[in-house]
Structure formats: structure tokens, C-alpha cells
Amino acid sequence: MTENEIIESAELDKRRDQRSSLKAKHAQSLTKLMGTRSDLRGVHALADHLDDAVRWTA
């Protein structure tokens, strides 16, 4: 691998880690919100789906 490819690979790894972290934070925040605000259920299908998916894996 060239030096440029090594740098690009490291940058991609860093971005993958950041993306994973953001996904986890988003799911956690959404689940917390849906738990405290039951009136939001049914407002957005994707939010409902994610909330259900997280609850089923717990």
C-alpha cells in the first residue's frame, strides 16, 4: 500500500467508527424520547419501527 492509501484507509476507519457511534446515540435518544412521549407513537413510521426494533433486541 502506498502512503496515500494508508492515510485514506485510516480516514475511512475513523469515519466508520464515527458513523457507528452516531447511529447508537440516535437510536438511544429516539428510544428514550418514545418512552417518555407516548403521544408521538404513530407520528413517524420509521421512528416507530426503530423504537420497536430496539425494544425487541433488549
N, C-alpha and C. Protein backbone atom coordinates (compact mmCIF):
# COMPACT_ATOMS: atom_id res chain seq x y z
N MET A 1 0.84 -1.19 0.00
CA MET A 1 0.00 0.00 0.00
C MET A 1 0.88 1.25 0.00
N THR A 2 0.43 2.22 -0.73
CA THR A 2 1.15 3.48 -0.74
C THR A 2 0.79 4.29 0.50
N GLU A 3 1.56 5.31 0.75
CA GLU A 3 1.31 6.15 1.92
C GLU A 3 -0.07 6.81 1.81
N ASN A 4 -0.44 7.21 0.62
CA ASN A 4 -1.74 7.84 0.38
C ASN A 4 -2.88 6.86 0.67
N GLU A 5 -2.73 5.60 0.26
CA GLU A 5 -3.75 4.59 0.52
C GLU A 5 -3.88 4.29 2.01
N ILE A 6 -2.78 4.32 2.72
CA ILE A 6 -2.80 4.09 4.16
C ILE A 6 -3.55 5.22 4.85
N ILE A 7 -3.30 6.45 4.44
CA ILE A 7 -3.99 7.61 5.02
C ILE A 7 -5.49 7.53 4.72
N GLU A 8 -5.84 7.19 3.49
CA GLU A 8 -7.25 7.07 3.12
C GLU A 8 -7.93 5.95 3.91
N SER A 9 -7.24 4.84 4.10
CA SER A 9 -7.79 3.73 4.86
C SER A 9 -8.04 4.12 6.31
N ALA A 10 -7.09 4.85 6.89
CA ALA A 10 -7.24 5.30 8.28
C ALA A 10 -8.42 6.27 8.39
N GLU A 11 -8.56 7.16 7.41
CA GLU A 11 -9.67 8.12 7.42
C GLU A 11 -11.02 7.40 7.29
N LEU A 12 -11.07 6.39 6.44
CA LEU A 12 -12.31 5.62 6.29
C LEU A 12 -12.66 4.89 7.58
N ASP A 13 -11.67 4.31 8.23
CA ASP A 13 -11.91 3.63 9.51
C ASP A 13 -12.44 4.60 10.55
N LYS A 14 -11.86 5.80 10.58
CA LYS A 14 -12.29 6.82 11.53
C LYS A 14 -13.75 7.21 11.27
N ARG A 15 -14.10 7.39 10.00
CA ARG A 15 -15.47 7.77 9.65
C ARG A 15 -16.46 6.65 9.95
N ARG A 16 -16.07 5.41 9.74
CA ARG A 16 -16.93 4.28 10.07
C ARG A 16 -17.22 4.24 11.58
N ASP A 17 -16.18 4.46 12.36
CA ASP A 17 -16.36 4.48 13.82
C ASP A 17 -17.29 5.61 14.25
N GLN A 18 -17.12 6.79 13.64
CA GLN A 18 -17.98 7.92 13.96
C GLN A 18 -19.43 7.62 13.59
N ARG A 19 -19.63 7.02 12.42
CA ARG A 19 -20.98 6.69 11.96
C ARG A 19 -21.64 5.69 12.90
N SER A 20 -20.92 4.69 13.32
CA SER A 20 -21.46 3.69 14.26
C SER A 20 -21.85 4.35 15.58
N SER A 21 -21.00 5.23 16.05
CA SER A 21 -21.28 5.93 17.30
C SER A 21 -22.53 6.80 17.18
N LEU A 22 -22.66 7.51 16.07
CA LEU A 22 -23.83 8.37 15.85
C LEU A 22 -25.11 7.55 15.74
N LYS A 23 -25.04 6.40 15.07
CA LYS A 23 -26.22 5.54 14.96
C LYS A 23 -26.68 5.07 16.33
N ALA A 24 -25.73 4.68 17.16
CA ALA A 24 -26.08 4.20 18.50
C ALA A 24 -26.68 5.33 19.34
N LYS A 25 -26.10 6.51 19.25
CA LYS A 25 -26.62 7.66 20.01
C LYS A 25 -28.02 8.02 19.54
N HIS A 26 -28.23 7.98 18.23
CA HIS A 26 -29.54 8.32 17.68
C HIS A 26 -30.59 7.32 18.14
N ALA A 27 -30.28 6.06 18.07
CA ALA A 27 -31.22 5.02 18.49
C ALA A 27 -31.54 5.14 19.97
N GLN A 28 -30.52 5.40 20.77
CA GLN A 28 -30.71 5.53 22.21
C GLN A 28 -31.59 6.75 22.52
N SER A 29 -31.33 7.86 21.87
CA SER A 29 -32.11 9.08 22.11
C SER A 29 -33.55 8.91 21.65
N LEU A 30 -33.73 8.28 20.52
CA LEU A 30 -35.08 8.07 20.00
C LEU A 30 -35.88 7.15 20.92
N THR A 31 -35.25 6.10 21.40
CA THR A 31 -35.93 5.17 22.31
C THR A 31 -36.30 5.87 23.61
N LYS A 32 -35.39 6.68 24.11
CA LYS A 32 -35.67 7.44 25.34
C LYS A 32 -36.85 8.40 25.12
N LEU A 33 -36.85 9.10 24.01
CA LEU A 33 -37.93 10.03 23.69
C LEU A 33 -39.26 9.30 23.56
N MET A 34 -39.26 8.19 22.83
CA MET A 34 -40.50 7.44 22.63
C MET A 34 -41.01 6.86 23.95
N GLY A 35 -40.11 6.57 24.87
CA GLY A 35 -40.51 6.06 26.17
C GLY A 35 -41.16 7.12 27.04
N THR A 36 -40.74 8.36 26.88
CA THR A 36 -41.31 9.44 27.70
C THR A 36 -42.48 10.13 27.03
N ARG A 37 -42.59 10.02 25.72
CA ARG A 37 -43.66 10.71 24.99
C ARG A 37 -44.47 9.72 24.16
N SER A 38 -45.36 9.01 24.80
CA SER A 38 -46.17 8.00 24.11
C SER A 38 -47.09 8.63 23.06
N ASP A 39 -47.36 9.94 23.18
CA ASP A 39 -48.20 10.61 22.19
C ASP A 39 -47.54 10.72 20.82
N LEU A 40 -46.23 10.47 20.76
CA LEU A 40 -45.51 10.53 19.48
C LEU A 40 -45.65 9.25 18.66
N ARG A 41 -46.13 8.19 19.29
CA ARG A 41 -46.31 6.91 18.60
C ARG A 41 -47.27 7.10 17.43
N GLY A 42 -46.88 6.64 16.26
CA GLY A 42 -47.73 6.75 15.08
C GLY A 42 -47.48 8.00 14.25
N VAL A 43 -46.64 8.89 14.74
CA VAL A 43 -46.36 10.13 14.00
C VAL A 43 -45.42 9.87 12.83
N HIS A 44 -44.43 9.02 13.05
CA HIS A 44 -43.45 8.74 12.00
C HIS A 44 -43.17 7.23 12.00
N ALA A 45 -43.48 6.58 10.91
CA ALA A 45 -43.38 5.12 10.83
C ALA A 45 -41.95 4.61 11.08
N LEU A 46 -40.96 5.31 10.57
CA LEU A 46 -39.58 4.86 10.76
C LEU A 46 -39.17 4.95 12.23
N ALA A 47 -39.60 6.00 12.91
CA ALA A 47 -39.30 6.13 14.34
C ALA A 47 -39.97 5.00 15.12
N ASP A 48 -41.19 4.69 14.78
CA ASP A 48 -41.89 3.58 15.44
C ASP A 48 -41.16 2.26 15.19
N HIS A 49 -40.74 2.05 13.97
CA HIS A 49 -40.04 0.81 13.61
C HIS A 49 -38.73 0.68 14.39
N LEU A 50 -37.95 1.75 14.45
CA LEU A 50 -36.68 1.72 15.16
C LEU A 50 -36.91 1.49 16.66
N ASP A 51 -37.90 2.17 17.21
CA ASP A 51 -38.21 2.00 18.63
C ASP A 51 -38.59 0.54 18.93
N ASP A 52 -39.43 -0.04 18.09
CA ASP A 52 -39.81 -1.45 18.26
C ASP A 52 -38.61 -2.38 18.12
N ALA A 53 -37.77 -2.11 17.14
CA ALA A 53 -36.59 -2.96 16.90
C ALA A 53 -35.64 -2.94 18.10
N VAL A 54 -35.43 -1.77 18.67
CA VAL A 54 -34.54 -1.66 19.82
C VAL A 54 -35.15 -2.39 21.01
N ARG A 55 -36.44 -2.24 21.20
CA ARG A 55 -37.09 -2.90 22.33
C ARG A 55 -37.05 -4.42 22.18
N TRP A 56 -37.20 -4.93 20.97
CA TRP A 56 -37.20 -6.38 20.77
C TRP A 56 -35.82 -6.99 20.96
N THR A 57 -34.76 -6.19 20.77
CA THR A 57 -33.40 -6.72 20.93
C THR A 57 -32.92 -6.60 22.36
N ALA A 58 -33.63 -5.88 23.19
CA ALA A 58 -33.19 -5.68 24.59
C ALA A 58 -33.41 -6.91 25.42
